[in-house]
Structure formats: C-alpha cells, structure tokens
C-alpha atoms as a PDB file:
ATOM      1  CA  MET A   1     -66.419  40.861 -17.730  1.00  0.00           C
ATOM      2  CA  GLU A   2     -63.665  41.687 -15.265  1.00  0.00           C
ATOM      3  CA  ASN A   3     -60.079  40.279 -14.981  1.00  0.00           C
ATOM      4  CA  LYS A   4     -61.129  38.850 -11.413  1.00  0.00           C
ATOM      5  CA  ASN A   5     -58.607  36.348  -9.806  1.00  0.00           C
ATOM      6  CA  LYS A   6     -58.230  35.161 -13.692  1.00  0.00           C
ATOM      7  CA  LYS A   7     -55.044  33.376 -13.821  1.00  0.00           C
ATOM      8  CA  CYS A   8     -53.047  31.795 -16.801  1.00  0.00           C
ATOM      9  CA  SER A   9     -53.861  28.330 -17.940  1.00  0.00           C
ATOM     10  CA  SER A  10     -50.189  27.849 -18.426  1.00  0.00           C
ATOM     11  CA  LYS A  11     -48.467  26.005 -15.829  1.00  0.00           C
ATOM     12  CA  GLU A  12     -45.560  27.705 -16.643  1.00  0.00           C
ATOM     13  CA  HIS A  13     -47.474  30.853 -16.104  1.00  0.00           C
ATOM     14  CA  GLU A  14     -50.266  29.793 -13.589  1.00  0.00           C
ATOM     15  CA  GLU A  15     -49.297  32.508 -11.225  1.00  0.00           C
ATOM     16  CA  ILE A  16     -49.357  35.447 -13.714  1.00  0.00           C
ATOM     17  CA  ASP A  17     -53.221  37.329 -14.375  1.00  0.00           C
ATOM     18  CA  ALA A  18     -54.777  36.329 -17.409  1.00  0.00           C
ATOM     19  CA  ILE A  19     -55.523  39.261 -19.780  1.00  0.00           C
ATOM     20  CA  TYR A  20     -56.538  37.524 -22.558  1.00  0.00           C
ATOM     21  CA  TYR A  21     -59.478  34.582 -23.397  1.00  0.00           C
ATOM     22  CA  CYS A  22     -60.015  32.106 -26.302  1.00  0.00           C
ATOM     23  CA  GLN A  23     -63.443  31.296 -26.668  1.00  0.00           C
ATOM     24  CA  LYS A  24     -62.420  28.702 -29.065  1.00  0.00           C
ATOM     25  CA  CYS A  25     -59.809  26.739 -26.733  1.00  0.00           C
ATOM     26  CA  GLN A  26     -61.560  27.911 -23.580  1.00  0.00           C
ATOM     27  CA  VAL A  27     -58.071  28.943 -22.067  1.00  0.00           C
ATOM     28  CA  TYR A  28     -56.979  32.195 -20.108  1.00  0.00           C
ATOM     29  CA  MET A  29     -53.979  33.543 -21.467  1.00  0.00           C
ATOM     30  CA  CYS A  30     -51.093  36.203 -19.901  1.00  0.00           C
ATOM     31  CA  ASN A  31     -50.016  38.438 -22.804  1.00  0.00           C
ATOM     32  CA  LYS A  32     -46.825  36.150 -23.850  1.00  0.00           C
ATOM     33  CA  CYS A  33     -49.045  33.087 -23.827  1.00  0.00           C
ATOM     34  CA  GLU A  34     -51.345  35.424 -26.368  1.00  0.00           C
ATOM     35  CA  ASN A  35     -48.323  36.162 -28.654  1.00  0.00           C
ATOM     36  CA  PHE A  36     -47.923  32.793 -29.469  1.00  0.00           C
ATOM     37  CA  HIS A  37     -51.323  31.891 -29.472  1.00  0.00           C
ATOM     38  CA  SER A  38     -52.198  34.205 -32.257  1.00  0.00           C
ATOM     39  CA  LYS A  39     -49.427  33.260 -34.101  1.00  0.00           C
ATOM     40  CA  LEU A  40     -49.851  29.682 -34.240  1.00  0.00           C
ATOM     41  CA  PHE A  41     -54.153  29.610 -34.405  1.00  0.00           C
ATOM     42  CA  GLN A  42     -54.490  32.799 -36.884  1.00  0.00           C
ATOM     43  CA  SER A  43     -58.541  32.008 -37.291  1.00  0.00           C
ATOM     44  CA  HIS A  44     -58.854  31.940 -33.258  1.00  0.00           C
ATOM     45  CA  GLN A  45     -60.113  35.343 -31.897  1.00  0.00           C
ATOM     46  CA  SER A  46     -58.556  36.076 -28.536  1.00  0.00           C
ATOM     47  CA  TYR A  47     -60.551  38.481 -26.232  1.00  0.00           C
ATOM     48  CA  ASN A  48     -59.158  41.144 -23.894  1.00  0.00           C
ATOM     49  CA  ILE A  49     -60.525  39.899 -20.807  1.00  0.00           C
ATOM     50  CA  ASP A  50     -60.514  43.080 -19.294  1.00  0.00           C
ATOM     51  CA  LYS A  51     -63.211  44.883 -21.274  1.00  0.00           C
ATOM     52  CA  ASN A  52     -66.696  44.667 -20.926  1.00  0.00           C
ATOM     53  CA  ILE A  53     -68.233  41.644 -22.920  1.00  0.00           C
ATOM     54  CA  ASN A  54     -69.774  43.707 -25.006  1.00  0.00           C
ATOM     55  CA  ASP A  55     -66.555  45.136 -26.744  1.00  0.00           C
ATOM     56  CA  ILE A  56     -65.908  41.699 -27.643  1.00  0.00           C
ATOM     57  CA  PHE A  57     -67.989  42.089 -30.670  1.00  0.00           C
ATOM     58  CA  THR A  58     -66.843  45.666 -31.449  1.00  0.00           C
ATOM     59  CA  GLY A  59     -63.716  46.985 -33.166  1.00  0.00           C
ATOM     60  CA  PHE A  60     -61.869  46.206 -36.563  1.00  0.00           C
ATOM     61  CA  CYS A  61     -61.377  43.442 -38.062  1.00  0.00           C
ATOM     62  CA  LYS A  62     -57.557  41.712 -37.677  1.00  0.00           C
ATOM     63  CA  GLU A  63     -57.044  40.833 -41.177  1.00  0.00           C
ATOM     64  CA  LYS A  64     -54.014  41.717 -42.851  1.00  0.00           C
ATOM     65  CA  LYS A  65     -55.123  44.549 -45.229  1.00  0.00           C
ATOM     66  CA  HIS A  66     -58.474  44.895 -43.997  1.00  0.00           C
ATOM     67  CA  SER A  67     -59.001  48.199 -41.817  1.00  0.00           C
ATOM     68  CA  ILE A  68     -62.969  47.540 -41.298  1.00  0.00           C
ATOM     69  CA  ILE A  69     -65.289  47.584 -38.723  1.00  0.00           C
ATOM     70  CA  LEU A  70     -66.927  43.857 -37.799  1.00  0.00           C
ATOM     71  CA  GLU A  71     -69.969  43.666 -38.700  1.00  0.00           C
ATOM     72  CA  TYR A  72     -70.405  39.764 -39.289  1.00  0.00           C
ATOM     73  CA  PHE A  73     -70.114  36.351 -37.934  1.00  0.00           C
ATOM     74  CA  CYS A  74     -69.084  33.442 -39.721  1.00  0.00           C
ATOM     75  CA  LYS A  75     -70.778  30.503 -38.041  1.00  0.00           C
ATOM     76  CA  THR A  76     -68.363  28.026 -40.392  1.00  0.00           C
ATOM     77  CA  HIS A  77     -65.330  29.599 -38.325  1.00  0.00           C
ATOM     78  CA  ASN A  78     -66.965  30.514 -35.297  1.00  0.00           C
ATOM     79  CA  GLN A  79     -64.978  33.841 -35.775  1.00  0.00           C
ATOM     80  CA  LEU A  80     -66.166  37.699 -36.575  1.00  0.00           C
ATOM     81  CA  CYS A  81     -65.437  38.876 -39.640  1.00  0.00           C
ATOM     82  CA  CYS A  82     -65.843  42.145 -41.858  1.00  0.00           C
ATOM     83  CA  ALA A  83     -67.392  42.978 -45.484  1.00  0.00           C
ATOM     84  CA  ALA A  84     -64.644  42.480 -46.998  1.00  0.00           C
ATOM     85  CA  CYS A  85     -64.335  39.028 -45.717  1.00  0.00           C
ATOM     86  CA  ILE A  86     -67.410  37.590 -46.706  1.00  0.00           C
ATOM     87  CA  SER A  87     -67.358  39.764 -50.105  1.00  0.00           C
ATOM     88  CA  LYS A  88     -67.811  37.752 -52.915  1.00  0.00           C
ATOM     89  CA  ILE A  89     -64.869  38.935 -54.916  1.00  0.00           C
ATOM     90  CA  LYS A  90     -62.162  37.002 -53.566  1.00  0.00           C
ATOM     91  CA  GLY A  91     -58.522  38.475 -54.169  1.00  0.00           C
ATOM     92  CA  LYS A  92     -56.120  40.731 -52.056  1.00  0.00           C
ATOM     93  CA  GLY A  93     -56.855  38.560 -48.530  1.00  0.00           C
ATOM     94  CA  ASN A  94     -60.528  39.512 -49.665  1.00  0.00           C
ATOM     95  CA  GLY A  95     -63.437  37.011 -50.019  1.00  0.00           C
ATOM     96  CA  LEU A  96     -62.249  34.452 -47.330  1.00  0.00           C
ATOM     97  CA  HIS A  97     -65.701  33.668 -45.791  1.00  0.00           C
ATOM     98  CA  LYS A  98     -67.596  34.364 -49.230  1.00  0.00           C
ATOM     99  CA  ASP A  99     -68.878  30.491 -49.101  1.00  0.00           C
ATOM    100  CA  CYS A 100     -69.839  30.115 -45.306  1.00  0.00           C
ATOM    101  CA  ASP A 101     -72.554  30.606 -43.352  1.00  0.00           C
ATOM    102  CA  VAL A 102     -72.508  34.719 -42.188  1.00  0.00           C
ATOM    103  CA  CYS A 103     -75.091  36.395 -40.323  1.00  0.00           C
ATOM    104  CA  PHE A 104     -75.096  39.995 -38.775  1.00  0.00           C
ATOM    105  CA  ILE A 105     -73.677  40.153 -35.548  1.00  0.00           C
ATOM    106  CA  GLU A 106     -76.925  41.460 -34.070  1.00  0.00           C
ATOM    107  CA  ASP A 107     -78.344  38.755 -34.699  1.00  0.00           C
ATOM    108  CA  ILE A 108     -75.805  36.404 -32.709  1.00  0.00           C
ATOM    109  CA  LYS A 109     -74.188  38.274 -30.307  1.00  0.00           C
ATOM    110  CA  GLU A 110     -76.950  36.939 -27.503  1.00  0.00           C
ATOM    111  CA  ILE A 111     -76.188  33.910 -28.226  1.00  0.00           C
ATOM    112  CA  LYS A 112     -72.327  33.887 -27.972  1.00  0.00           C
ATOM    113  CA  LYS A 113     -72.636  36.425 -24.959  1.00  0.00           C
ATOM    114  CA  ASN A 114     -74.817  33.680 -22.976  1.00  0.00           C
ATOM    115  CA  LYS A 115     -72.613  30.838 -24.703  1.00  0.00           C
ATOM    116  CA  LEU A 116     -69.405  33.033 -23.874  1.00  0.00           C
ATOM    117  CA  LYS A 117     -70.493  33.314 -20.006  1.00  0.00           C
ATOM    118  CA  SER A 118     -71.504  29.704 -19.868  1.00  0.00           C
ATOM    119  CA  ASN A 119     -68.180  28.546 -21.074  1.00  0.00           C
ATOM    120  CA  ILE A 120     -66.327  30.830 -18.631  1.00  0.00           C
ATOM    121  CA  LYS A 121     -68.448  29.458 -15.683  1.00  0.00           C
ATOM    122  CA  LEU A 122     -67.617  25.681 -16.585  1.00  0.00           C
ATOM    123  CA  LEU A 123     -64.381  26.652 -16.465  1.00  0.00           C
ATOM    124  CA  GLU A 124     -64.397  28.338 -13.495  1.00  0.00           C
ATOM    125  CA  ASP A 125     -66.063  25.235 -11.924  1.00  0.00           C
ATOM    126  CA  LEU A 126     -63.223  23.138 -13.719  1.00  0.00           C
ATOM    127  CA  SER A 127     -60.556  24.819 -11.893  1.00  0.00           C
ATOM    128  CA  ASN A 128     -62.462  24.813  -8.741  1.00  0.00           C
ATOM    129  CA  ARG A 129     -62.947  20.799  -8.850  1.00  0.00           C
ATOM    130  CA  LEU A 130     -59.377  20.306 -10.247  1.00  0.00           C
ATOM    131  CA  GLU A 131     -58.024  21.808  -7.148  1.00  0.00           C
ATOM    132  CA  ASP A 132     -60.109  20.157  -5.266  1.00  0.00           C
ATOM    133  CA  SER A 133     -59.239  16.829  -6.887  1.00  0.00           C
ATOM    134  CA  ILE A 134     -55.585  17.894  -6.792  1.00  0.00           C
ATOM    135  CA  LYS A 135     -55.689  18.842  -2.968  1.00  0.00           C
ATOM    136  CA  GLN A 136     -57.489  15.231  -2.461  1.00  0.00           C
ATOM    137  CA  ILE A 137     -54.994  13.465  -4.396  1.00  0.00           C
ATOM    138  CA  LYS A 138     -51.996  15.071  -1.872  1.00  0.00           C
ATOM    139  CA  ILE A 139     -53.760  13.851   1.071  1.00  0.00           C
ATOM    140  CA  ILE A 140     -54.173  10.538  -0.554  1.00  0.00           C
ATOM    141  CA  TYR A 141     -50.445  10.514  -0.931  1.00  0.00           C
ATOM    142  CA  GLU A 142     -50.054  11.218   2.115  1.00  0.00           C
ATOM    143  CA  LYS A 143     -51.780   8.915   3.475  1.00  0.00           C
ATOM    144  CA  ILE A 144     -50.198   6.249   1.187  1.00  0.00           C
ATOM    145  CA  ASN A 145     -46.615   7.720   1.905  1.00  0.00           C
ATOM    146  CA  LYS A 146     -47.389   7.298   6.074  1.00  0.00           C
ATOM    147  CA  ASN A 147     -48.635   3.756   5.608  1.00  0.00           C
ATOM    148  CA  LYS A 148     -45.821   2.712   3.467  1.00  0.00           C
ATOM    149  CA  GLU A 149     -43.314   3.785   6.306  1.00  0.00           C
ATOM    150  CA  GLU A 150     -45.318   2.150   8.588  1.00  0.00           C
ATOM    151  CA  LEU A 151     -45.255  -1.225   7.045  1.00  0.00           C
ATOM    152  CA  LYS A 152     -41.267  -0.540   6.573  1.00  0.00           C
ATOM    153  CA  LEU A 153     -40.992   0.225  10.138  1.00  0.00           C
ATOM    154  CA  LYS A 154     -43.327  -3.342  10.926  1.00  0.00           C
ATOM    155  CA  ILE A 155     -41.197  -5.430   8.545  1.00  0.00           C
ATOM    156  CA  GLN A 156     -37.846  -4.290  10.219  1.00  0.00           C
ATOM    157  CA  LYS A 157     -39.468  -4.593  13.392  1.00  0.00           C
ATOM    158  CA  ILE A 158     -40.277  -8.531  12.364  1.00  0.00           C
ATOM    159  CA  PHE A 159     -36.968  -9.533  11.207  1.00  0.00           C
ATOM    160  CA  THR A 160     -35.204  -7.770  14.168  1.00  0.00           C
ATOM    161  CA  ARG A 161     -37.003 -10.399  16.310  1.00  0.00           C
ATOM    162  CA  ILE A 162     -36.136 -12.823  13.694  1.00  0.00           C
ATOM    163  CA  ARG A 163     -32.431 -11.755  13.887  1.00  0.00           C
ATOM    164  CA  ASN A 164     -32.000 -11.737  17.848  1.00  0.00           C
ATOM    165  CA  THR A 165     -34.148 -15.359  18.163  1.00  0.00           C
ATOM    166  CA  ILE A 166     -31.910 -16.988  15.275  1.00  0.00           C
ATOM    167  CA  ASN A 167     -28.702 -15.162  17.082  1.00  0.00           C
ATOM    168  CA  ALA A 168     -30.071 -16.936  20.726  1.00  0.00           C
ATOM    169  CA  ARG A 169     -30.654 -20.371  19.045  1.00  0.00           C
ATOM    170  CA  GLU A 170     -27.035 -19.843  17.702  1.00  0.00           C
ATOM    171  CA  ASP A 171     -25.544 -19.814  20.686  1.00  0.00           C
ATOM    172  CA  ASN A 172     -27.381 -22.078  22.538  1.00  0.00           C
ATOM    173  CA  LEU A 173     -26.081 -24.733  20.088  1.00  0.00           C
ATOM    174  CA  LEU A 174     -22.796 -23.444  20.510  1.00  0.00           C
ATOM    175  CA  LEU A 175     -23.005 -23.727  24.232  1.00  0.00           C
ATOM    176  CA  GLU A 176     -24.490 -27.506  24.049  1.00  0.00           C
ATOM    177  CA  VAL A 177     -21.747 -28.343  21.510  1.00  0.00           C
ATOM    178  CA  ASP A 178     -19.047 -27.098  24.090  1.00  0.00           C
ATOM    179  CA  LYS A 179     -20.864 -28.606  27.073  1.00  0.00           C
ATOM    180  CA  TYR A 180     -20.983 -32.139  25.164  1.00  0.00           C
ATOM    181  CA  TYR A 181     -17.411 -32.054  23.766  1.00  0.00           C
ATOM    182  CA  ASN A 182     -16.009 -30.468  26.904  1.00  0.00           C
ATOM    183  CA  GLU A 183     -17.723 -32.306  29.767  1.00  0.00           C
ATOM    184  CA  ILE A 184     -19.886 -35.254  28.757  1.00  0.00           C
ATOM    185  CA  PHE A 185     -16.910 -36.702  25.723  1.00  0.00           C
ATOM    186  CA  PHE A 186     -14.202 -35.450  27.805  1.00  0.00           C
ATOM    187  CA  GLU A 187     -14.926 -36.818  30.664  1.00  0.00           C
ATOM    188  CA  LYS A 188     -15.850 -40.579  28.937  1.00  0.00           C
ATOM    189  CA  ILE A 189     -12.633 -39.994  27.824  1.00  0.00           C
ATOM    190  CA  ILE A 190     -10.962 -39.487  31.400  1.00  0.00           C
ATOM    191  CA  ILE A 191     -12.833 -42.260  33.572  1.00  0.00           C
ATOM    192  CA  GLU A 192     -11.565 -44.776  30.150  1.00  0.00           C
ATOM    193  CA  SER A 193      -7.862 -43.634  30.574  1.00  0.00           C
ATOM    194  CA  GLU A 194      -8.096 -43.697  34.250  1.00  0.00           C
ATOM    195  CA  LYS A 195      -9.323 -47.419  33.501  1.00  0.00           C
ATOM    196  CA  LEU A 196      -6.677 -48.861  31.506  1.00  0.00           C
ATOM    197  CA  PRO A 197      -3.768 -48.847  33.830  1.00  0.00           C
ATOM    198  CA  ASN A 198      -5.854 -51.026  36.419  1.00  0.00           C
ATOM    199  CA  GLU A 199      -6.326 -53.276  33.727  1.00  0.00           C
ATOM    200  CA  ILE A 200      -2.966 -53.338  32.418  1.00  0.00           C
ATOM    201  CA  LYS A 201      -1.894 -53.858  35.790  1.00  0.00           C
ATOM    202  CA  ILE A 202      -4.062 -56.971  36.179  1.00  0.00           C
ATOM    203  CA  SER A 203      -2.934 -57.969  32.952  1.00  0.00           C
ATOM    204  CA  LEU A 204       0.660 -58.127  33.588  1.00  0.00           C
ATOM    205  CA  GLU A 205      -0.033 -59.907  37.278  1.00  0.00           C
ATOM    206  CA  ARG A 206      -2.431 -62.834  35.815  1.00  0.00           C
ATOM    207  CA  GLY A 207       0.860 -62.857  32.948  1.00  0.00           C
ATOM    208  CA  LYS A 208       3.363 -63.363  36.310  1.00  0.00           C
ATOM    209  CA  MET A 209       1.661 -65.615  37.693  1.00  0.00           C
ATOM    210  CA  ILE A 210       0.892 -67.697  34.428  1.00  0.00           C
ATOM    211  CA  GLU A 211       5.066 -67.405  33.674  1.00  0.00           C
ATOM    212  CA  LYS A 212       5.707 -68.772  37.423  1.00  0.00           C
ATOM    213  CA  ASP A 213       3.592 -71.923  37.262  1.00  0.00           C
ATOM    214  CA  TRP A 214       4.807 -72.839  33.864  1.00  0.00           C
ATOM    215  CA  LYS A 215       8.262 -72.482  35.550  1.00  0.00           C
ATOM    216  CA  ASP A 216       6.922 -74.429  38.540  1.00  0.00           C
ATOM    217  CA  GLU A 217       5.915 -77.354  36.296  1.00  0.00           C
ATOM    218  CA  ASN A 218       9.060 -77.261  34.500  1.00  0.00           C
ATOM    219  CA  LYS A 219      11.141 -77.245  37.415  1.00  0.00           C
ATOM    220  CA  TYR A 220       9.259 -80.784  39.110  1.00  0.00           C
ATOM    221  CA  ALA A 221       9.746 -82.392  35.149  1.00  0.00           C
ATOM    222  CA  LEU A 222      13.272 -82.098  35.503  1.00  0.00           C
END
C-alpha cells in the first residue's frame, strides 16, 4: 500500500501528505496528527501507509515492557498483540487480553487485509464524493448569490420608478396649486375689486339724487 496522493484527514493539515492510517478511526494522519492520536487512543493501531500491507501484521508489540513479536490478533479489541498480552498471568503489563477472543494473525490476516483495502477504497470514494459535493455547493452558492444580486437590482429599479413617479406627481400638484391661487383665485379677486369702485360710484350717485329730491321736497313745503 503506497502513499500515493494520500493527504492528512485533518482540515488543518489537509495539504500535508499522510504517513499513517488508523483502521478503527478510518482516517489518514500526518506525523503530527499521529503523535496526538497515539496519545489519545492508545488502544488503536496506526499503520504506516508507506509500508506494504503485509508489513502491517509484523513487528514488535507496542505495549510497555513488551519486546515480543506480534503473533496474535485480539478480536475483542480489534488489535494485534503478543504472547505477553494473552498471558494468563496478569501483572506488569501482561495478560491485558487474557479473557478476550484471540486468534493467530495468520488466521485473520487475509480477512483484515481485504477489509483494510475495502475501507481504504470506501474512504477514497467518500473523499471523491465529498469533493464533488463541495464543488456542487459552491456552484449552487454562486447561483444563489447571482440571483440575490439580480433581485436586489430589480427592487432598486422598481423603487426608483416609484420615487420618480411620486416626485413627478408632487411637481404636478404644486403647479396646480400655483395655477389655482396665482391665476384663478387672484384674477377673481382683481375682477371683483375692479367692480367695487363702480358699485360705490353708482351708490354715491343714487345717494346724491335722493338727497337732492329730499331737499327739493322740503323747499316747496316751506
């Protein structure tokens, strides 16, 4: 199993090449992530993906004070173990898997190899689908954003027309008011004002005639 185009699963290190793979977590890890991972999950087995898949099932036990070749597989905890791990005598780090379902590595090796390959394939497919989904989301976002800007532009145009119409209507009303008061109302006042002197003059003449008639009547009466 070669480290070909495999990147760390961490978002913070997604540009860094992966060095390890945890079958239980189903994640690829760079060196920094594997250091944290091994401290947090001591029961997990991290495999160096630069090695051949057969090398995963070889080596020495990682338990403290154990320097024994890995020969067994614990089905209960899904991890490789050595003779000390399954020892019936528990103490000094021994016997951690003495009551577990244990078998020889050779009995489980092919099954685990196939499962590991299958999990890696699933992970790669998932990664590809995820990348496609992200691209689709970006396309949808750009389309929505474009629709949003177009909608905002339409709203601005509509309200601009409304404001222009209101302003024009306002100007017309103001002109009508000016026309009424400056032309119609004012002219009426002038016309009526011009009639007033004539009416006063006529009334004055009538008054003088009445006064004359009254004087004449009194004159003959004397």
